[in-house]
Amino acid sequence: MHLYIWRHSKHFSSWSMLDEPHIHRASYLQADVTVLAPSIEAALALLADNGNWNVEELRRITPEVVPLDEPRIVISHVDG
């Protein structure tokens, strides 16, 4: 199993970034989703079943993949 982590921020969006992904159905400034699954396709299938995530847009972003076979920092986030 792996953790698949997608993050997308629109904090610095501008008109020059019109082709930017929109990964969640709601309006957002920052969206993050982490899925535990055996493969990226299984993770995307879970997100599709959820109904809130735009899977085709998520495919445009390479997720961070965290294997769960050894100790590690899973997530750290600094916003400032």
PDB file of N, CA and C in Angstrom:
ATOM      1  N   MET A   1       0.837  -1.183   0.000  1.00  0.00           N
ATOM      2  CA  MET A   1       0.000   0.000   0.000  1.00  0.00           C
ATOM      3  C   MET A   1       0.884   1.250   0.000  1.00  0.00           C
ATOM      4  N   HIS A   2       0.336   2.289  -0.585  1.00  0.00           N
ATOM      5  CA  HIS A   2       1.019   3.574  -0.651  1.00  0.00           C
ATOM      6  C   HIS A   2       0.027   4.684  -0.318  1.00  0.00           C
ATOM      7  N   LEU A   3       0.574   5.788   0.147  1.00  0.00           N
ATOM      8  CA  LEU A   3      -0.218   7.008   0.246  1.00  0.00           C
ATOM      9  C   LEU A   3       0.030   7.812  -1.019  1.00  0.00           C
ATOM     10  N   TYR A   4      -1.046   8.262  -1.635  1.00  0.00           N
ATOM     11  CA  TYR A   4      -0.970   9.128  -2.808  1.00  0.00           C
ATOM     12  C   TYR A   4      -1.488  10.495  -2.374  1.00  0.00           C
ATOM     13  N   ILE A   5      -0.652  11.501  -2.509  1.00  0.00           N
ATOM     14  CA  ILE A   5      -0.982  12.836  -2.007  1.00  0.00           C
ATOM     15  C   ILE A   5      -1.000  13.817  -3.171  1.00  0.00           C
ATOM     16  N   TRP A   6      -2.165  14.420  -3.372  1.00  0.00           N
ATOM     17  CA  TRP A   6      -2.304  15.474  -4.376  1.00  0.00           C
ATOM     18  C   TRP A   6      -2.516  16.794  -3.653  1.00  0.00           C
ATOM     19  N   ARG A   7      -1.809  17.830  -4.103  1.00  0.00           N
ATOM     20  CA  ARG A   7      -1.968  19.176  -3.548  1.00  0.00           C
ATOM     21  C   ARG A   7      -2.067  20.152  -4.709  1.00  0.00           C
ATOM     22  N   HIS A   8      -2.959  21.100  -4.556  1.00  0.00           N
ATOM     23  CA  HIS A   8      -3.051  22.144  -5.567  1.00  0.00           C
ATOM     24  C   HIS A   8      -3.430  23.447  -4.887  1.00  0.00           C
ATOM     25  N   SER A   9      -2.699  24.489  -5.216  1.00  0.00           N
ATOM     26  CA  SER A   9      -2.947  25.804  -4.633  1.00  0.00           C
ATOM     27  C   SER A   9      -3.269  26.797  -5.728  1.00  0.00           C
ATOM     28  N   LYS A  10      -4.261  27.633  -5.455  1.00  0.00           N
ATOM     29  CA  LYS A  10      -4.607  28.718  -6.363  1.00  0.00           C
ATOM     30  C   LYS A  10      -4.286  30.075  -5.735  1.00  0.00           C
ATOM     31  N   HIS A  11      -3.489  30.083  -4.683  1.00  0.00           N
ATOM     32  CA  HIS A  11      -3.147  31.334  -3.996  1.00  0.00           C
ATOM     33  C   HIS A  11      -2.514  32.349  -4.928  1.00  0.00           C
ATOM     34  N   PHE A  12      -1.746  31.890  -5.901  1.00  0.00           N
ATOM     35  CA  PHE A  12      -1.028  32.810  -6.777  1.00  0.00           C
ATOM     36  C   PHE A  12      -1.531  32.720  -8.215  1.00  0.00           C
ATOM     37  N   SER A  13      -2.785  32.332  -8.390  1.00  0.00           N
ATOM     38  CA  SER A  13      -3.356  32.223  -9.731  1.00  0.00           C
ATOM     39  C   SER A  13      -3.483  33.587 -10.381  1.00  0.00           C
ATOM     40  N   SER A  14      -3.385  33.578 -11.701  1.00  0.00           N
ATOM     41  CA  SER A  14      -3.586  34.806 -12.459  1.00  0.00           C
ATOM     42  C   SER A  14      -4.217  34.426 -13.794  1.00  0.00           C
ATOM     43  N   TRP A  15      -4.582  35.414 -14.579  1.00  0.00           N
ATOM     44  CA  TRP A  15      -5.173  35.143 -15.885  1.00  0.00           C
ATOM     45  C   TRP A  15      -4.214  34.391 -16.787  1.00  0.00           C
ATOM     46  N   SER A  16      -2.922  34.497 -16.533  1.00  0.00           N
ATOM     47  CA  SER A  16      -1.946  33.785 -17.357  1.00  0.00           C
ATOM     48  C   SER A  16      -1.945  32.281 -17.070  1.00  0.00           C
ATOM     49  N   MET A  17      -2.682  31.856 -16.051  1.00  0.00           N
ATOM     50  CA  MET A  17      -2.717  30.442 -15.662  1.00  0.00           C
ATOM     51  C   MET A  17      -4.099  29.843 -15.927  1.00  0.00           C
ATOM     52  N   LEU A  18      -4.706  30.195 -17.042  1.00  0.00           N
ATOM     53  CA  LEU A  18      -6.065  29.746 -17.325  1.00  0.00           C
ATOM     54  C   LEU A  18      -6.182  28.232 -17.494  1.00  0.00           C
ATOM     55  N   ASP A  19      -5.109  27.570 -17.867  1.00  0.00           N
ATOM     56  CA  ASP A  19      -5.153  26.126 -18.061  1.00  0.00           C
ATOM     57  C   ASP A  19      -4.785  25.361 -16.790  1.00  0.00           C
ATOM     58  N   GLU A  20      -4.837  26.033 -15.675  1.00  0.00           N
ATOM     59  CA  GLU A  20      -4.502  25.431 -14.394  1.00  0.00           C
ATOM     60  C   GLU A  20      -5.549  24.370 -14.015  1.00  0.00           C
ATOM     61  N   PRO A  21      -5.131  23.263 -13.396  1.00  0.00           N
ATOM     62  CA  PRO A  21      -6.106  22.244 -12.997  1.00  0.00           C
ATOM     63  C   PRO A  21      -7.098  22.764 -11.951  1.00  0.00           C
ATOM     64  N   HIS A  22      -8.263  22.190 -11.941  1.00  0.00           N
ATOM     65  CA  HIS A  22      -9.281  22.465 -10.917  1.00  0.00           C
ATOM     66  C   HIS A  22      -9.680  21.107 -10.364  1.00  0.00           C
ATOM     67  N   ILE A  23      -9.046  20.693  -9.236  1.00  0.00           N
ATOM     68  CA  ILE A  23      -9.131  19.298  -8.794  1.00  0.00           C
ATOM     69  C   ILE A  23     -10.339  18.953  -7.931  1.00  0.00           C
ATOM     70  N   HIS A  24     -11.020  19.962  -7.394  1.00  0.00           N
ATOM     71  CA  HIS A  24     -12.192  19.696  -6.545  1.00  0.00           C
ATOM     72  C   HIS A  24     -13.400  20.390  -7.142  1.00  0.00           C
ATOM     73  N   ARG A  25     -14.562  19.796  -6.955  1.00  0.00           N
ATOM     74  CA  ARG A  25     -15.783  20.346  -7.555  1.00  0.00           C
ATOM     75  C   ARG A  25     -16.174  21.693  -6.939  1.00  0.00           C
ATOM     76  N   ALA A  26     -15.798  21.922  -5.685  1.00  0.00           N
ATOM     77  CA  ALA A  26     -16.100  23.196  -5.026  1.00  0.00           C
ATOM     78  C   ALA A  26     -15.037  24.228  -5.401  1.00  0.00           C
ATOM     79  N   SER A  27     -15.351  25.476  -5.163  1.00  0.00           N
ATOM     80  CA  SER A  27     -14.363  26.531  -5.350  1.00  0.00           C
ATOM     81  C   SER A  27     -13.371  26.459  -4.185  1.00  0.00           C
ATOM     82  N   TYR A  28     -12.085  26.653  -4.459  1.00  0.00           N
ATOM     83  CA  TYR A  28     -11.093  26.528  -3.397  1.00  0.00           C
ATOM     84  C   TYR A  28      -9.880  27.406  -3.686  1.00  0.00           C
ATOM     85  N   LEU A  29      -9.121  27.693  -2.637  1.00  0.00           N
ATOM     86  CA  LEU A  29      -7.810  28.315  -2.788  1.00  0.00           C
ATOM     87  C   LEU A  29      -6.712  27.265  -2.687  1.00  0.00           C
ATOM     88  N   GLN A  30      -6.918  26.286  -1.829  1.00  0.00           N
ATOM     89  CA  GLN A  30      -5.969  25.185  -1.710  1.00  0.00           C
ATOM     90  C   GLN A  30      -6.757  23.915  -1.467  1.00  0.00           C
ATOM     91  N   ALA A  31      -6.414  22.869  -2.194  1.00  0.00           N
ATOM     92  CA  ALA A  31      -7.067  21.575  -2.029  1.00  0.00           C
ATOM     93  C   ALA A  31      -6.002  20.505  -1.879  1.00  0.00           C
ATOM     94  N   ASP A  32      -6.204  19.624  -0.926  1.00  0.00           N
ATOM     95  CA  ASP A  32      -5.296  18.514  -0.664  1.00  0.00           C
ATOM     96  C   ASP A  32      -6.133  17.262  -0.481  1.00  0.00           C
ATOM     97  N   VAL A  33      -5.643  16.163  -1.000  1.00  0.00           N
ATOM     98  CA  VAL A  33      -6.298  14.882  -0.739  1.00  0.00           C
ATOM     99  C   VAL A  33      -5.210  13.819  -0.648  1.00  0.00           C
ATOM    100  N   THR A  34      -5.356  12.930   0.331  1.00  0.00           N
ATOM    101  CA  THR A  34      -4.427  11.827   0.533  1.00  0.00           C
ATOM    102  C   THR A  34      -5.229  10.539   0.532  1.00  0.00           C
ATOM    103  N   VAL A  35      -4.784   9.581  -0.275  1.00  0.00           N
ATOM    104  CA  VAL A  35      -5.509   8.319  -0.427  1.00  0.00           C
ATOM    105  C   VAL A  35      -4.560   7.161  -0.142  1.00  0.00           C
ATOM    106  N   LEU A  36      -5.025   6.204   0.654  1.00  0.00           N
ATOM    107  CA  LEU A  36      -4.291   4.965   0.895  1.00  0.00           C
ATOM    108  C   LEU A  36      -4.816   3.930  -0.089  1.00  0.00           C
ATOM    109  N   ALA A  37      -3.936   3.424  -0.956  1.00  0.00           N
ATOM    110  CA  ALA A  37      -4.368   2.477  -1.983  1.00  0.00           C
ATOM    111  C   ALA A  37      -3.170   1.670  -2.478  1.00  0.00           C
ATOM    112  N   PRO A  38      -3.435   0.540  -3.127  1.00  0.00           N
ATOM    113  CA  PRO A  38      -2.335  -0.276  -3.644  1.00  0.00           C
ATOM    114  C   PRO A  38      -1.730   0.256  -4.945  1.00  0.00           C
ATOM    115  N   SER A  39      -2.446   1.137  -5.657  1.00  0.00           N
ATOM    116  CA  SER A  39      -1.944   1.693  -6.915  1.00  0.00           C
ATOM    117  C   SER A  39      -2.576   3.060  -7.150  1.00  0.00           C
ATOM    118  N   ILE A  40      -1.984   3.817  -8.062  1.00  0.00           N
ATOM    119  CA  ILE A  40      -2.535   5.133  -8.373  1.00  0.00           C
ATOM    120  C   ILE A  40      -3.918   5.004  -9.005  1.00  0.00           C
ATOM    121  N   GLU A  41      -4.112   3.981  -9.823  1.00  0.00           N
ATOM    122  CA  GLU A  41      -5.426   3.795 -10.448  1.00  0.00           C
ATOM    123  C   GLU A  41      -6.491   3.471  -9.402  1.00  0.00           C
ATOM    124  N   ALA A  42      -6.131   2.672  -8.397  1.00  0.00           N
ATOM    125  CA  ALA A  42      -7.075   2.374  -7.312  1.00  0.00           C
ATOM    126  C   ALA A  42      -7.374   3.640  -6.508  1.00  0.00           C
ATOM    127  N   ALA A  43      -6.365   4.482  -6.300  1.00  0.00           N
ATOM    128  CA  ALA A  43      -6.568   5.743  -5.579  1.00  0.00           C
ATOM    129  C   ALA A  43      -7.514   6.653  -6.358  1.00  0.00           C
ATOM    130  N   LEU A  44      -7.299   6.754  -7.666  1.00  0.00           N
ATOM    131  CA  LEU A  44      -8.174   7.594  -8.491  1.00  0.00           C
ATOM    132  C   LEU A  44      -9.592   7.038  -8.547  1.00  0.00           C
ATOM    133  N   ALA A  45      -9.735   5.716  -8.524  1.00  0.00           N
ATOM    134  CA  ALA A  45     -11.070   5.108  -8.516  1.00  0.00           C
ATOM    135  C   ALA A  45     -11.817   5.460  -7.224  1.00  0.00           C
ATOM    136  N   LEU A  46     -11.112   5.446  -6.102  1.00  0.00           N
ATOM    137  CA  LEU A  46     -11.739   5.841  -4.827  1.00  0.00           C
ATOM    138  C   LEU A  46     -12.179   7.298  -4.875  1.00  0.00           C
ATOM    139  N   LEU A  47     -11.347   8.149  -5.454  1.00  0.00           N
ATOM    140  CA  LEU A  47     -11.705   9.562  -5.564  1.00  0.00           C
ATOM    141  C   LEU A  47     -12.884   9.764  -6.515  1.00  0.00           C
ATOM    142  N   ALA A  48     -12.943   8.996  -7.581  1.00  0.00           N
ATOM    143  CA  ALA A  48     -14.073   9.080  -8.504  1.00  0.00           C
ATOM    144  C   ALA A  48     -15.357   8.647  -7.807  1.00  0.00           C
ATOM    145  N   ASP A  49     -15.288   7.598  -7.003  1.00  0.00           N
ATOM    146  CA  ASP A  49     -16.463   7.122  -6.253  1.00  0.00           C
ATOM    147  C   ASP A  49     -16.941   8.155  -5.244  1.00  0.00           C
ATOM    148  N   ASN A  50     -16.003   8.933  -4.700  1.00  0.00           N
ATOM    149  CA  ASN A  50     -16.352   9.963  -3.726  1.00  0.00           C
ATOM    150  C   ASN A  50     -17.230  11.040  -4.339  1.00  0.00           C
ATOM    151  N   GLY A  51     -16.965  11.387  -5.599  1.00  0.00           N
ATOM    152  CA  GLY A  51     -17.791  12.357  -6.309  1.00  0.00           C
ATOM    153  C   GLY A  51     -17.407  13.814  -6.143  1.00  0.00           C
ATOM    154  N   ASN A  52     -16.486  14.137  -5.253  1.00  0.00           N
ATOM    155  CA  ASN A  52     -16.100  15.533  -5.036  1.00  0.00           C
ATOM    156  C   ASN A  52     -14.841  15.933  -5.782  1.00  0.00           C
ATOM    157  N   TRP A  53     -14.114  14.966  -6.281  1.00  0.00           N
ATOM    158  CA  TRP A  53     -12.810  15.226  -6.892  1.00  0.00           C
ATOM    159  C   TRP A  53     -12.879  15.053  -8.397  1.00  0.00           C
ATOM    160  N   ASN A  54     -12.235  15.951  -9.129  1.00  0.00           N
ATOM    161  CA  ASN A  54     -12.176  15.889 -10.589  1.00  0.00           C
ATOM    162  C   ASN A  54     -10.992  15.006 -10.971  1.00  0.00           C
ATOM    163  N   VAL A  55     -11.270  13.746 -11.223  1.00  0.00           N
ATOM    164  CA  VAL A  55     -10.214  12.767 -11.468  1.00  0.00           C
ATOM    165  C   VAL A  55      -9.392  13.116 -12.705  1.00  0.00           C
ATOM    166  N   GLU A  56     -10.025  13.563 -13.762  1.00  0.00           N
ATOM    167  CA  GLU A  56      -9.270  13.917 -14.966  1.00  0.00           C
ATOM    168  C   GLU A  56      -8.304  15.069 -14.695  1.00  0.00           C
ATOM    169  N   GLU A  57      -8.700  15.999 -13.845  1.00  0.00           N
ATOM    170  CA  GLU A  57      -7.800  17.092 -13.473  1.00  0.00           C
ATOM    171  C   GLU A  57      -6.676  16.588 -12.557  1.00  0.00           C
ATOM    172  N   LEU A  58      -7.007  15.657 -11.661  1.00  0.00           N
ATOM    173  CA  LEU A  58      -5.974  15.081 -10.790  1.00  0.00           C
ATOM    174  C   LEU A  58      -4.917  14.351 -11.603  1.00  0.00           C
ATOM    175  N   ARG A  59      -5.307  13.753 -12.717  1.00  0.00           N
ATOM    176  CA  ARG A  59      -4.349  13.050 -13.577  1.00  0.00           C
ATOM    177  C   ARG A  59      -3.299  14.007 -14.152  1.00  0.00           C
ATOM    178  N   ARG A  60      -3.593  15.285 -14.186  1.00  0.00           N
ATOM    179  CA  ARG A  60      -2.638  16.274 -14.699  1.00  0.00           C
ATOM    180  C   ARG A  60      -1.540  16.599 -13.694  1.00  0.00           C
ATOM    181  N   ILE A  61      -1.737  16.198 -12.454  1.00  0.00           N
ATOM    182  CA  ILE A  61      -0.793  16.505 -11.376  1.00  0.00           C
ATOM    183  C   ILE A  61      -0.127  15.201 -10.939  1.00  0.00           C
ATOM    184  N   THR A  62       1.172  15.202 -10.827  1.00  0.00           N
ATOM    185  CA  THR A  62       1.875  14.029 -10.310  1.00  0.00           C
ATOM    186  C   THR A  62       1.764  14.026  -8.793  1.00  0.00           C
ATOM    187  N   PRO A  63       1.146  12.998  -8.224  1.00  0.00           N
ATOM    188  CA  PRO A  63       1.019  12.981  -6.767  1.00  0.00           C
ATOM    189  C   PRO A  63       2.344  12.626  -6.100  1.00  0.00           C
ATOM    190  N   GLU A  64       2.463  13.032  -4.862  1.00  0.00           N
ATOM    191  CA  GLU A  64       3.559  12.527  -4.039  1.00  0.00           C
ATOM    192  C   GLU A  64       3.167  11.118  -3.636  1.00  0.00           C
ATOM    193  N   VAL A  65       4.074  10.166  -3.786  1.00  0.00           N
ATOM    194  CA  VAL A  65       3.789   8.767  -3.451  1.00  0.00           C
ATOM    195  C   VAL A  65       4.644   8.397  -2.252  1.00  0.00           C
ATOM    196  N   VAL A  66       3.974   7.945  -1.183  1.00  0.00           N
ATOM    197  CA  VAL A  66       4.670   7.581   0.046  1.00  0.00           C
ATOM    198  C   VAL A  66       4.459   6.094   0.302  1.00  0.00           C
ATOM    199  N   PRO A  67       5.496   5.267   0.092  1.00  0.00           N
ATOM    200  CA  PRO A  67       5.376   3.860   0.429  1.00  0.00           C
ATOM    201  C   PRO A  67       5.351   3.702   1.948  1.00  0.00           C
ATOM    202  N   LEU A  68       4.633   2.712   2.404  1.00  0.00           N
ATOM    203  CA  LEU A  68       4.467   2.536   3.856  1.00  0.00           C
ATOM    204  C   LEU A  68       5.299   1.370   4.374  1.00  0.00           C
ATOM    205  N   ASP A  69       6.547   1.269   3.918  1.00  0.00           N
ATOM    206  CA  ASP A  69       7.380   0.144   4.321  1.00  0.00           C
ATOM    207  C   ASP A  69       8.502   0.511   5.296  1.00  0.00           C
ATOM    208  N   GLU A  70       8.623   1.800   5.637  1.00  0.00           N
ATOM    209  CA  GLU A  70       9.649   2.213   6.588  1.00  0.00           C
ATOM    210  C   GLU A  70       9.231   3.524   7.240  1.00  0.00           C
ATOM    211  N   PRO A  71       9.787   3.838   8.421  1.00  0.00           N
ATOM    212  CA  PRO A  71       9.444   5.099   9.082  1.00  0.00           C
ATOM    213  C   PRO A  71       9.856   6.292   8.233  1.00  0.00           C
ATOM    214  N   ARG A  72       9.034   7.323   8.233  1.00  0.00           N
ATOM    215  CA  ARG A  72       9.321   8.526   7.451  1.00  0.00           C
ATOM    216  C   ARG A  72       8.366   9.633   7.871  1.00  0.00           C
ATOM    217  N   ILE A  73       8.706  10.851   7.540  1.00  0.00           N
ATOM    218  CA  ILE A  73       7.780  11.957   7.689  1.00  0.00           C
ATOM    219  C   ILE A  73       6.778  11.829   6.551  1.00  0.00           C
ATOM    220  N   VAL A  74       5.515  11.792   6.875  1.00  0.00           N
ATOM    221  CA  VAL A  74       4.495  11.587   5.847  1.00  0.00           C
ATOM    222  C   VAL A  74       4.080  12.912   5.233  1.00  0.00           C
ATOM    223  N   ILE A  75       3.740  13.887   6.058  1.00  0.00           N
ATOM    224  CA  ILE A  75       3.294  15.174   5.533  1.00  0.00           C
ATOM    225  C   ILE A  75       3.878  16.291   6.396  1.00  0.00           C
ATOM    226  N   SER A  76       4.378  17.310   5.730  1.00  0.00           N
ATOM    227  CA  SER A  76       4.723  18.539   6.428  1.00  0.00           C
ATOM    228  C   SER A  76       4.224  19.670   5.551  1.00  0.00           C
ATOM    229  N   HIS A  77       3.767  20.732   6.163  1.00  0.00           N
ATOM    230  CA  HIS A  77       3.179  21.819   5.400  1.00  0.00           C
ATOM    231  C   HIS A  77       3.514  23.136   6.092  1.00  0.00           C
ATOM    232  N   VAL A  78       4.007  24.075   5.315  1.00  0.00           N
ATOM    233  CA  VAL A  78       4.295  25.412   5.822  1.00  0.00           C
ATOM    234  C   VAL A  78       3.628  26.388   4.871  1.00  0.00           C
ATOM    235  N   ASP A  79       2.779  27.253   5.405  1.00  0.00           N
ATOM    236  CA  ASP A  79       2.084  28.248   4.595  1.00  0.00           C
ATOM    237  C   ASP A  79       2.315  29.594   5.225  1.00  0.00           C
ATOM    238  N   GLY A  80       2.926  30.490   4.506  1.00  0.00           N
ATOM    239  CA  GLY A  80       3.186  31.758   5.144  1.00  0.00           C
ATOM    240  C   GLY A  80       3.596  32.824   4.183  1.00  0.00           C
TER     241      GLY A  80
END
